[in-house]
């Protein structure tokens, strides 16, 4: 005798269907294998757990997070927004994918105590009044938006005076393309990049969706939008770790940097970081 699925089972099936559709639409152009897509779906089904460390890191950077009203631009399937809300913040996620927003809402329903809402929208036209948020977050999204300057301006608009912006994204001065997961020539002209991607078995059309983000360009866009105290926290942290290897979490990397320091060879690392050759950008700023 067959039995109908329980409420929990129906919710699990619903979020899996939404996540699968989101992964198909977002990652399909990257030409990833079926196995890679399957792993991505499985990871996203409970991604609020995977994002808990990232949320705690943001809490360390911005004390009082539990009293803040937080915006996440490009909230995907909701894992980071829910993880941040579970730390006490009131979070609003904005995501252009309808499937992503539906998956996020199902995820949020697992945690009635979490103050989190999700909205279909884009960063160039945020559906909020002026000056209503304390912190604007974005992770691996800024390189995908259509108008980066407009997104920065909209983030500035919806932040209150004193509000903070924190955007993380790949650094295309570093020779790796994180979406394709291949080594990639820094700032490679798109026609050559498409040819190279095709040679590596990747879909070259995906490059048309990317903006080459660099620390200098992102800092300039933030300042032009009106932000002050603009800093690349990843650069600062990298230089601090070269100066003091005990700050490095990986024991193997700490030993390697420690040896370079003992051999008086740490200066090439400092020079590379000073030139912008590091993998990620964590750009922060403040609305005056």
C-alpha atoms as a PDB file:
ATOM      1  CA  UNK A   1       0.000   0.000   0.000  1.00  0.00           C
ATOM      2  CA  UNK A   2       1.551   3.310  -1.046  1.00  0.00           C
ATOM      3  CA  UNK A   3       1.570   6.273   1.285  1.00  0.00           C
ATOM      4  CA  UNK A   4       1.734   9.926   0.319  1.00  0.00           C
ATOM      5  CA  UNK A   5       4.908  11.851   1.167  1.00  0.00           C
ATOM      6  CA  UNK A   6       4.995  13.675   4.473  1.00  0.00           C
ATOM      7  CA  UNK A   7       5.184  17.455   4.676  1.00  0.00           C
ATOM      8  CA  UNK A   8       8.924  17.246   5.297  1.00  0.00           C
ATOM      9  CA  UNK A   9       9.431  14.890   2.364  1.00  0.00           C
ATOM     10  CA  UNK A  10       7.435  17.159   0.061  1.00  0.00           C
ATOM     11  CA  UNK A  11       9.547  20.149   1.141  1.00  0.00           C
ATOM     12  CA  UNK A  12      12.737  18.163   0.518  1.00  0.00           C
ATOM     13  CA  UNK A  13      11.552  17.182  -2.968  1.00  0.00           C
ATOM     14  CA  UNK A  14      10.493  20.761  -3.723  1.00  0.00           C
ATOM     15  CA  UNK A  15      13.810  22.330  -2.743  1.00  0.00           C
ATOM     16  CA  UNK A  16      15.737  19.664  -4.656  1.00  0.00           C
ATOM     17  CA  UNK A  17      13.710  20.376  -7.799  1.00  0.00           C
ATOM     18  CA  UNK A  18      14.347  24.127  -7.470  1.00  0.00           C
ATOM     19  CA  UNK A  19      18.049  23.654  -6.778  1.00  0.00           C
ATOM     20  CA  UNK A  20      18.402  21.337  -9.777  1.00  0.00           C
ATOM     21  CA  UNK A  21      16.767  23.937 -12.019  1.00  0.00           C
ATOM     22  CA  UNK A  22      18.990  26.682 -10.597  1.00  0.00           C
ATOM     23  CA  UNK A  23      22.175  24.644 -11.103  1.00  0.00           C
ATOM     24  CA  UNK A  24      21.104  23.682 -14.639  1.00  0.00           C
ATOM     25  CA  UNK A  25      20.528  27.315 -15.625  1.00  0.00           C
ATOM     26  CA  UNK A  26      23.556  28.792 -13.848  1.00  0.00           C
ATOM     27  CA  UNK A  27      26.216  26.123 -14.275  1.00  0.00           C
ATOM     28  CA  UNK A  28      25.113  24.648 -17.572  1.00  0.00           C
ATOM     29  CA  UNK A  29      27.012  27.266 -19.624  1.00  0.00           C
ATOM     30  CA  UNK A  30      30.217  26.322 -17.782  1.00  0.00           C
ATOM     31  CA  UNK A  31      30.200  22.877 -19.456  1.00  0.00           C
ATOM     32  CA  UNK A  32      30.674  21.046 -16.192  1.00  0.00           C
ATOM     33  CA  UNK A  33      30.184  17.304 -16.145  1.00  0.00           C
ATOM     34  CA  UNK A  34      27.020  15.610 -14.918  1.00  0.00           C
ATOM     35  CA  UNK A  35      28.960  14.414 -11.872  1.00  0.00           C
ATOM     36  CA  UNK A  36      30.084  17.974 -11.029  1.00  0.00           C
ATOM     37  CA  UNK A  37      26.515  19.221 -11.367  1.00  0.00           C
ATOM     38  CA  UNK A  38      25.247  16.380  -9.168  1.00  0.00           C
ATOM     39  CA  UNK A  39      27.756  17.271  -6.447  1.00  0.00           C
ATOM     40  CA  UNK A  40      26.778  20.925  -6.711  1.00  0.00           C
ATOM     41  CA  UNK A  41      23.117  20.056  -6.190  1.00  0.00           C
ATOM     42  CA  UNK A  42      23.909  17.897  -3.170  1.00  0.00           C
ATOM     43  CA  UNK A  43      26.067  20.637  -1.660  1.00  0.00           C
ATOM     44  CA  UNK A  44      23.385  23.282  -2.111  1.00  0.00           C
ATOM     45  CA  UNK A  45      20.638  21.227  -0.465  1.00  0.00           C
ATOM     46  CA  UNK A  46      22.142  21.935   2.991  1.00  0.00           C
ATOM     47  CA  UNK A  47      24.370  24.858   2.114  1.00  0.00           C
ATOM     48  CA  UNK A  48      23.311  26.884   5.156  1.00  0.00           C
ATOM     49  CA  UNK A  49      25.563  24.499   7.111  1.00  0.00           C
ATOM     50  CA  UNK A  50      28.444  24.956   4.667  1.00  0.00           C
ATOM     51  CA  UNK A  51      28.118  28.746   4.893  1.00  0.00           C
ATOM     52  CA  UNK A  52      28.097  28.898   8.695  1.00  0.00           C
ATOM     53  CA  UNK A  53      31.856  29.575   8.864  1.00  0.00           C
ATOM     54  CA  UNK A  54      31.570  32.345   6.274  1.00  0.00           C
ATOM     55  CA  UNK A  55      28.720  33.926   8.232  1.00  0.00           C
ATOM     56  CA  UNK A  56      30.762  33.823  11.439  1.00  0.00           C
ATOM     57  CA  UNK A  57      33.671  35.451   9.609  1.00  0.00           C
ATOM     58  CA  UNK A  58      31.367  38.301   8.572  1.00  0.00           C
ATOM     59  CA  UNK A  59      30.208  38.535  12.190  1.00  0.00           C
ATOM     60  CA  UNK A  60      33.852  38.951  13.258  1.00  0.00           C
ATOM     61  CA  UNK A  61      34.450  41.654  10.652  1.00  0.00           C
ATOM     62  CA  UNK A  62      31.270  43.559  11.488  1.00  0.00           C
ATOM     63  CA  UNK A  63      30.523  43.373  15.234  1.00  0.00           C
ATOM     64  CA  UNK A  64      26.883  43.759  16.165  1.00  0.00           C
ATOM     65  CA  UNK A  65      25.711  41.718  13.181  1.00  0.00           C
ATOM     66  CA  UNK A  66      22.841  40.340  15.259  1.00  0.00           C
ATOM     67  CA  UNK A  67      21.398  43.872  15.463  1.00  0.00           C
ATOM     68  CA  UNK A  68      21.830  44.667  11.776  1.00  0.00           C
ATOM     69  CA  UNK A  69      19.529  44.702   8.798  1.00  0.00           C
ATOM     70  CA  UNK A  70      21.538  42.962   6.087  1.00  0.00           C
ATOM     71  CA  UNK A  71      21.148  42.830   2.292  1.00  0.00           C
ATOM     72  CA  UNK A  72      22.658  40.031   0.227  1.00  0.00           C
ATOM     73  CA  UNK A  73      22.891  40.740  -3.502  1.00  0.00           C
ATOM     74  CA  UNK A  74      22.767  37.569  -5.546  1.00  0.00           C
ATOM     75  CA  UNK A  75      21.588  35.270  -2.776  1.00  0.00           C
ATOM     76  CA  UNK A  76      21.496  32.182  -5.028  1.00  0.00           C
ATOM     77  CA  UNK A  77      19.651  29.362  -3.293  1.00  0.00           C
ATOM     78  CA  UNK A  78      19.747  31.090   0.085  1.00  0.00           C
ATOM     79  CA  UNK A  79      22.411  29.281   2.076  1.00  0.00           C
ATOM     80  CA  UNK A  80      24.478  32.276   3.109  1.00  0.00           C
ATOM     81  CA  UNK A  81      21.460  34.468   3.854  1.00  0.00           C
ATOM     82  CA  UNK A  82      19.951  31.798   6.108  1.00  0.00           C
ATOM     83  CA  UNK A  83      23.292  31.170   7.846  1.00  0.00           C
ATOM     84  CA  UNK A  84      23.626  34.911   8.507  1.00  0.00           C
ATOM     85  CA  UNK A  85      20.052  35.144   9.787  1.00  0.00           C
ATOM     86  CA  UNK A  86      20.716  32.262  12.177  1.00  0.00           C
ATOM     87  CA  UNK A  87      23.317  34.511  13.833  1.00  0.00           C
ATOM     88  CA  UNK A  88      20.544  36.969  14.651  1.00  0.00           C
ATOM     89  CA  UNK A  89      20.627  39.430  11.750  1.00  0.00           C
ATOM     90  CA  UNK A  90      17.565  40.437   9.750  1.00  0.00           C
ATOM     91  CA  UNK A  91      18.486  39.443   6.194  1.00  0.00           C
ATOM     92  CA  UNK A  92      16.961  40.225   2.807  1.00  0.00           C
ATOM     93  CA  UNK A  93      18.271  38.283  -0.185  1.00  0.00           C
ATOM     94  CA  UNK A  94      17.864  39.519  -3.754  1.00  0.00           C
ATOM     95  CA  UNK A  95      18.285  37.012  -6.581  1.00  0.00           C
ATOM     96  CA  UNK A  96      17.255  37.159 -10.281  1.00  0.00           C
ATOM     97  CA  UNK A  97      16.575  33.401 -10.505  1.00  0.00           C
ATOM     98  CA  UNK A  98      12.977  32.494  -9.644  1.00  0.00           C
ATOM     99  CA  UNK A  99      14.087  28.928  -8.907  1.00  0.00           C
ATOM    100  CA  UNK A 100      16.816  30.241  -6.614  1.00  0.00           C
ATOM    101  CA  UNK A 101      14.359  32.400  -4.678  1.00  0.00           C
ATOM    102  CA  UNK A 102      11.871  29.543  -4.335  1.00  0.00           C
ATOM    103  CA  UNK A 103      14.613  27.211  -3.062  1.00  0.00           C
ATOM    104  CA  UNK A 104      15.696  29.941  -0.628  1.00  0.00           C
ATOM    105  CA  UNK A 105      12.178  30.354   0.744  1.00  0.00           C
ATOM    106  CA  UNK A 106      11.781  26.616   1.269  1.00  0.00           C
ATOM    107  CA  UNK A 107      15.170  26.558   3.008  1.00  0.00           C
ATOM    108  CA  UNK A 108      14.217  29.481   5.258  1.00  0.00           C
ATOM    109  CA  UNK A 109      10.998  27.707   6.262  1.00  0.00           C
ATOM    110  CA  UNK A 110      13.156  25.103   8.051  1.00  0.00           C
ATOM    111  CA  UNK A 111      14.155  27.815  10.538  1.00  0.00           C
ATOM    112  CA  UNK A 112      11.114  29.720  11.843  1.00  0.00           C
ATOM    113  CA  UNK A 113      13.402  31.669  14.192  1.00  0.00           C
ATOM    114  CA  UNK A 114      15.433  33.119  11.313  1.00  0.00           C
ATOM    115  CA  UNK A 115      14.470  36.636  10.205  1.00  0.00           C
ATOM    116  CA  UNK A 116      15.079  36.262   6.475  1.00  0.00           C
ATOM    117  CA  UNK A 117      13.154  37.147   3.319  1.00  0.00           C
ATOM    118  CA  UNK A 118      13.937  36.618  -0.354  1.00  0.00           C
ATOM    119  CA  UNK A 119      13.041  38.796  -3.326  1.00  0.00           C
ATOM    120  CA  UNK A 120      13.260  38.309  -7.079  1.00  0.00           C
ATOM    121  CA  UNK A 121      15.302  41.182  -8.422  1.00  0.00           C
ATOM    122  CA  UNK A 122      18.632  42.457  -9.718  1.00  0.00           C
ATOM    123  CA  UNK A 123      21.336  44.576  -8.155  1.00  0.00           C
ATOM    124  CA  UNK A 124      20.893  47.343 -10.728  1.00  0.00           C
ATOM    125  CA  UNK A 125      17.311  47.990  -9.483  1.00  0.00           C
ATOM    126  CA  UNK A 126      16.980  47.021  -5.849  1.00  0.00           C
ATOM    127  CA  UNK A 127      13.357  46.852  -4.588  1.00  0.00           C
ATOM    128  CA  UNK A 128      14.016  48.831  -1.397  1.00  0.00           C
ATOM    129  CA  UNK A 129      13.749  52.401  -0.145  1.00  0.00           C
ATOM    130  CA  UNK A 130      16.784  54.581   0.511  1.00  0.00           C
ATOM    131  CA  UNK A 131      18.901  54.073   3.619  1.00  0.00           C
ATOM    132  CA  UNK A 132      17.288  50.940   5.063  1.00  0.00           C
ATOM    133  CA  UNK A 133      20.247  48.546   5.498  1.00  0.00           C
ATOM    134  CA  UNK A 134      23.275  48.430   7.786  1.00  0.00           C
ATOM    135  CA  UNK A 135      25.363  46.015   5.693  1.00  0.00           C
ATOM    136  CA  UNK A 136      25.338  44.991   2.024  1.00  0.00           C
ATOM    137  CA  UNK A 137      26.951  41.653   1.192  1.00  0.00           C
ATOM    138  CA  UNK A 138      27.716  39.883  -2.072  1.00  0.00           C
ATOM    139  CA  UNK A 139      29.692  36.707  -2.768  1.00  0.00           C
ATOM    140  CA  UNK A 140      30.911  35.691  -6.238  1.00  0.00           C
ATOM    141  CA  UNK A 141      28.254  37.834  -7.940  1.00  0.00           C
ATOM    142  CA  UNK A 142      29.816  41.178  -8.882  1.00  0.00           C
ATOM    143  CA  UNK A 143      31.699  39.618 -11.810  1.00  0.00           C
ATOM    144  CA  UNK A 144      28.339  38.505 -13.303  1.00  0.00           C
ATOM    145  CA  UNK A 145      26.204  41.661 -13.100  1.00  0.00           C
ATOM    146  CA  UNK A 146      25.354  43.654 -16.207  1.00  0.00           C
ATOM    147  CA  UNK A 147      26.260  47.103 -14.854  1.00  0.00           C
ATOM    148  CA  UNK A 148      28.801  47.089 -12.033  1.00  0.00           C
ATOM    149  CA  UNK A 149      28.751  50.846 -11.531  1.00  0.00           C
ATOM    150  CA  UNK A 150      24.970  50.827 -11.164  1.00  0.00           C
ATOM    151  CA  UNK A 151      25.071  47.948  -8.658  1.00  0.00           C
ATOM    152  CA  UNK A 152      27.589  49.837  -6.520  1.00  0.00           C
ATOM    153  CA  UNK A 153      25.396  52.952  -6.695  1.00  0.00           C
ATOM    154  CA  UNK A 154      22.286  50.996  -5.704  1.00  0.00           C
ATOM    155  CA  UNK A 155      24.116  49.405  -2.763  1.00  0.00           C
ATOM    156  CA  UNK A 156      25.147  52.910  -1.661  1.00  0.00           C
ATOM    157  CA  UNK A 157      21.563  54.147  -1.987  1.00  0.00           C
ATOM    158  CA  UNK A 158      19.961  51.476   0.196  1.00  0.00           C
ATOM    159  CA  UNK A 159      22.600  51.701   2.961  1.00  0.00           C
ATOM    160  CA  UNK A 160      22.065  54.079   5.852  1.00  0.00           C
ATOM    161  CA  UNK A 161      24.819  56.627   6.652  1.00  0.00           C
ATOM    162  CA  UNK A 162      27.596  54.635   8.295  1.00  0.00           C
ATOM    163  CA  UNK A 163      26.426  51.439   6.611  1.00  0.00           C
ATOM    164  CA  UNK A 164      29.038  49.024   5.251  1.00  0.00           C
ATOM    165  CA  UNK A 165      29.510  47.213   1.946  1.00  0.00           C
ATOM    166  CA  UNK A 166      31.392  43.906   1.648  1.00  0.00           C
ATOM    167  CA  UNK A 167      31.677  42.287  -1.791  1.00  0.00           C
ATOM    168  CA  UNK A 168      33.776  39.173  -2.518  1.00  0.00           C
ATOM    169  CA  UNK A 169      34.696  38.085  -6.040  1.00  0.00           C
ATOM    170  CA  UNK A 170      37.511  36.540  -8.120  1.00  0.00           C
ATOM    171  CA  UNK A 171      40.557  38.617  -8.990  1.00  0.00           C
ATOM    172  CA  UNK A 172      41.199  38.369 -12.730  1.00  0.00           C
ATOM    173  CA  UNK A 173      44.781  39.529 -12.310  1.00  0.00           C
ATOM    174  CA  UNK A 174      45.364  36.070 -10.849  1.00  0.00           C
ATOM    175  CA  UNK A 175      45.919  33.359 -13.506  1.00  0.00           C
ATOM    176  CA  UNK A 176      42.894  31.180 -12.722  1.00  0.00           C
ATOM    177  CA  UNK A 177      39.251  31.140 -13.856  1.00  0.00           C
ATOM    178  CA  UNK A 178      37.298  29.838 -10.867  1.00  0.00           C
ATOM    179  CA  UNK A 179      34.048  29.117 -12.720  1.00  0.00           C
ATOM    180  CA  UNK A 180      35.711  26.971 -15.377  1.00  0.00           C
ATOM    181  CA  UNK A 181      38.173  25.678 -12.747  1.00  0.00           C
ATOM    182  CA  UNK A 182      41.135  26.082 -15.079  1.00  0.00           C
ATOM    183  CA  UNK A 183      44.315  28.141 -15.186  1.00  0.00           C
ATOM    184  CA  UNK A 184      43.573  31.210 -17.274  1.00  0.00           C
ATOM    185  CA  UNK A 185      45.730  34.074 -18.618  1.00  0.00           C
ATOM    186  CA  UNK A 186      45.153  37.250 -16.560  1.00  0.00           C
ATOM    187  CA  UNK A 187      42.749  39.689 -18.255  1.00  0.00           C
ATOM    188  CA  UNK A 188      42.877  37.620 -21.416  1.00  0.00           C
ATOM    189  CA  UNK A 189      41.086  39.418 -24.285  1.00  0.00           C
ATOM    190  CA  UNK A 190      37.697  37.771 -24.710  1.00  0.00           C
ATOM    191  CA  UNK A 191      38.282  36.510 -28.320  1.00  0.00           C
ATOM    192  CA  UNK A 192      41.475  34.742 -27.198  1.00  0.00           C
ATOM    193  CA  UNK A 193      39.771  33.643 -23.983  1.00  0.00           C
ATOM    194  CA  UNK A 194      36.963  31.980 -25.937  1.00  0.00           C
ATOM    195  CA  UNK A 195      39.492  30.149 -28.095  1.00  0.00           C
ATOM    196  CA  UNK A 196      41.436  29.019 -25.015  1.00  0.00           C
ATOM    197  CA  UNK A 197      38.247  27.907 -23.220  1.00  0.00           C
ATOM    198  CA  UNK A 198      37.224  25.855 -26.244  1.00  0.00           C
ATOM    199  CA  UNK A 199      40.663  24.221 -26.313  1.00  0.00           C
ATOM    200  CA  UNK A 200      40.213  23.303 -22.636  1.00  0.00           C
ATOM    201  CA  UNK A 201      36.819  21.746 -23.328  1.00  0.00           C
ATOM    202  CA  UNK A 202      34.766  24.571 -21.800  1.00  0.00           C
ATOM    203  CA  UNK A 203      31.833  26.486 -23.238  1.00  0.00           C
ATOM    204  CA  UNK A 204      33.333  29.774 -24.502  1.00  0.00           C
ATOM    205  CA  UNK A 205      29.954  31.531 -24.424  1.00  0.00           C
ATOM    206  CA  UNK A 206      30.138  31.730 -20.622  1.00  0.00           C
ATOM    207  CA  UNK A 207      32.904  34.327 -20.911  1.00  0.00           C
ATOM    208  CA  UNK A 208      30.364  36.755 -22.352  1.00  0.00           C
ATOM    209  CA  UNK A 209      28.619  36.733 -18.958  1.00  0.00           C
ATOM    210  CA  UNK A 210      31.764  37.702 -17.031  1.00  0.00           C
ATOM    211  CA  UNK A 211      33.269  41.051 -16.121  1.00  0.00           C
ATOM    212  CA  UNK A 212      36.981  40.934 -15.383  1.00  0.00           C
ATOM    213  CA  UNK A 213      37.090  42.207 -11.803  1.00  0.00           C
ATOM    214  CA  UNK A 214      40.386  43.596 -10.496  1.00  0.00           C
ATOM    215  CA  UNK A 215      41.171  45.255  -7.155  1.00  0.00           C
ATOM    216  CA  UNK A 216      41.850  48.644  -8.733  1.00  0.00           C
ATOM    217  CA  UNK A 217      38.693  48.668 -10.834  1.00  0.00           C
ATOM    218  CA  UNK A 218      36.405  47.558  -8.006  1.00  0.00           C
ATOM    219  CA  UNK A 219      37.917  50.098  -5.586  1.00  0.00           C
ATOM    220  CA  UNK A 220      37.384  52.841  -8.165  1.00  0.00           C
ATOM    221  CA  UNK A 221      33.743  51.846  -8.715  1.00  0.00           C
ATOM    222  CA  UNK A 222      33.126  51.874  -4.958  1.00  0.00           C
ATOM    223  CA  UNK A 223      34.678  55.312  -4.548  1.00  0.00           C
ATOM    224  CA  UNK A 224      32.785  56.709  -7.543  1.00  0.00           C
ATOM    225  CA  UNK A 225      29.545  55.413  -5.992  1.00  0.00           C
ATOM    226  CA  UNK A 226      30.354  57.470  -2.876  1.00  0.00           C
ATOM    227  CA  UNK A 227      31.931  54.947  -0.518  1.00  0.00           C
ATOM    228  CA  UNK A 228      34.854  55.927   1.709  1.00  0.00           C
ATOM    229  CA  UNK A 229      37.435  53.879   3.632  1.00  0.00           C
ATOM    230  CA  UNK A 230      37.542  51.470   0.672  1.00  0.00           C
ATOM    231  CA  UNK A 231      39.842  48.521   1.441  1.00  0.00           C
ATOM    232  CA  UNK A 232      40.623  45.116  -0.031  1.00  0.00           C
ATOM    233  CA  UNK A 233      40.529  42.942   3.080  1.00  0.00           C
ATOM    234  CA  UNK A 234      41.945  39.921   1.235  1.00  0.00           C
ATOM    235  CA  UNK A 235      45.056  41.898   0.265  1.00  0.00           C
ATOM    236  CA  UNK A 236      45.499  43.175   3.818  1.00  0.00           C
ATOM    237  CA  UNK A 237      45.071  39.690   5.271  1.00  0.00           C
ATOM    238  CA  UNK A 238      47.530  38.188   2.760  1.00  0.00           C
ATOM    239  CA  UNK A 239      50.231  40.737   3.639  1.00  0.00           C
ATOM    240  CA  UNK A 240      49.635  40.171   7.352  1.00  0.00           C
ATOM    241  CA  UNK A 241      50.036  36.414   6.932  1.00  0.00           C
ATOM    242  CA  UNK A 242      53.280  36.812   5.009  1.00  0.00           C
ATOM    243  CA  UNK A 243      54.553  38.956   7.877  1.00  0.00           C
ATOM    244  CA  UNK A 244      53.320  36.493  10.515  1.00  0.00           C
ATOM    245  CA  UNK A 245      52.857  32.876   9.300  1.00  0.00           C
ATOM    246  CA  UNK A 246      51.147  31.965  12.603  1.00  0.00           C
ATOM    247  CA  UNK A 247      48.044  33.709  11.193  1.00  0.00           C
ATOM    248  CA  UNK A 248      47.821  31.144   8.369  1.00  0.00           C
ATOM    249  CA  UNK A 249      45.227  28.428   9.055  1.00  0.00           C
ATOM    250  CA  UNK A 250      46.865  25.796   6.844  1.00  0.00           C
ATOM    251  CA  UNK A 251      49.853  24.240   8.700  1.00  0.00           C
ATOM    252  CA  UNK A 252      51.473  23.255   5.414  1.00  0.00           C
ATOM    253  CA  UNK A 253      51.200  26.780   3.988  1.00  0.00           C
ATOM    254  CA  UNK A 254      52.394  28.288   7.280  1.00  0.00           C
ATOM    255  CA  UNK A 255      55.508  26.107   7.207  1.00  0.00           C
ATOM    256  CA  UNK A 256      56.179  27.038   3.577  1.00  0.00           C
ATOM    257  CA  UNK A 257      55.896  30.778   4.225  1.00  0.00           C
ATOM    258  CA  UNK A 258      57.943  30.389   7.398  1.00  0.00           C
ATOM    259  CA  UNK A 259      60.773  28.794   5.424  1.00  0.00           C
ATOM    260  CA  UNK A 260      60.711  31.607   2.879  1.00  0.00           C
ATOM    261  CA  UNK A 261      60.973  34.123   5.700  1.00  0.00           C
ATOM    262  CA  UNK A 262      63.915  32.304   7.262  1.00  0.00           C
ATOM    263  CA  UNK A 263      65.649  32.203   3.889  1.00  0.00           C
ATOM    264  CA  UNK A 264      64.947  35.944   3.415  1.00  0.00           C
ATOM    265  CA  UNK A 265      62.805  35.117   0.361  1.00  0.00           C
ATOM    266  CA  UNK A 266      59.410  36.382   1.507  1.00  0.00           C
ATOM    267  CA  UNK A 267      59.840  39.609  -0.459  1.00  0.00           C
ATOM    268  CA  UNK A 268      58.671  38.064  -3.785  1.00  0.00           C
ATOM    269  CA  UNK A 269      55.367  37.120  -2.129  1.00  0.00           C
ATOM    270  CA  UNK A 270      54.941  40.623  -0.743  1.00  0.00           C
ATOM    271  CA  UNK A 271      55.758  42.056  -4.156  1.00  0.00           C
ATOM    272  CA  UNK A 272      53.231  39.808  -5.935  1.00  0.00           C
ATOM    273  CA  UNK A 273      50.480  40.709  -3.468  1.00  0.00           C
ATOM    274  CA  UNK A 274      51.367  44.396  -3.706  1.00  0.00           C
ATOM    275  CA  UNK A 275      51.016  44.107  -7.498  1.00  0.00           C
ATOM    276  CA  UNK A 276      47.530  42.632  -7.109  1.00  0.00           C
ATOM    277  CA  UNK A 277      48.423  39.003  -7.859  1.00  0.00           C
ATOM    278  CA  UNK A 278      46.201  37.158  -5.389  1.00  0.00           C
ATOM    279  CA  UNK A 279      43.141  34.990  -6.096  1.00  0.00           C
ATOM    280  CA  UNK A 280      40.234  36.834  -4.470  1.00  0.00           C
ATOM    281  CA  UNK A 281      38.990  40.347  -3.835  1.00  0.00           C
ATOM    282  CA  UNK A 282      37.197  41.150  -0.570  1.00  0.00           C
ATOM    283  CA  UNK A 283      36.361  44.817  -1.089  1.00  0.00           C
ATOM    284  CA  UNK A 284      34.833  46.744   1.796  1.00  0.00           C
ATOM    285  CA  UNK A 285      33.730  50.335   2.196  1.00  0.00           C
ATOM    286  CA  UNK A 286      31.519  52.650   4.222  1.00  0.00           C
ATOM    287  CA  UNK A 287      28.756  55.052   3.310  1.00  0.00           C
ATOM    288  CA  UNK A 288      29.657  58.382   4.961  1.00  0.00           C
END
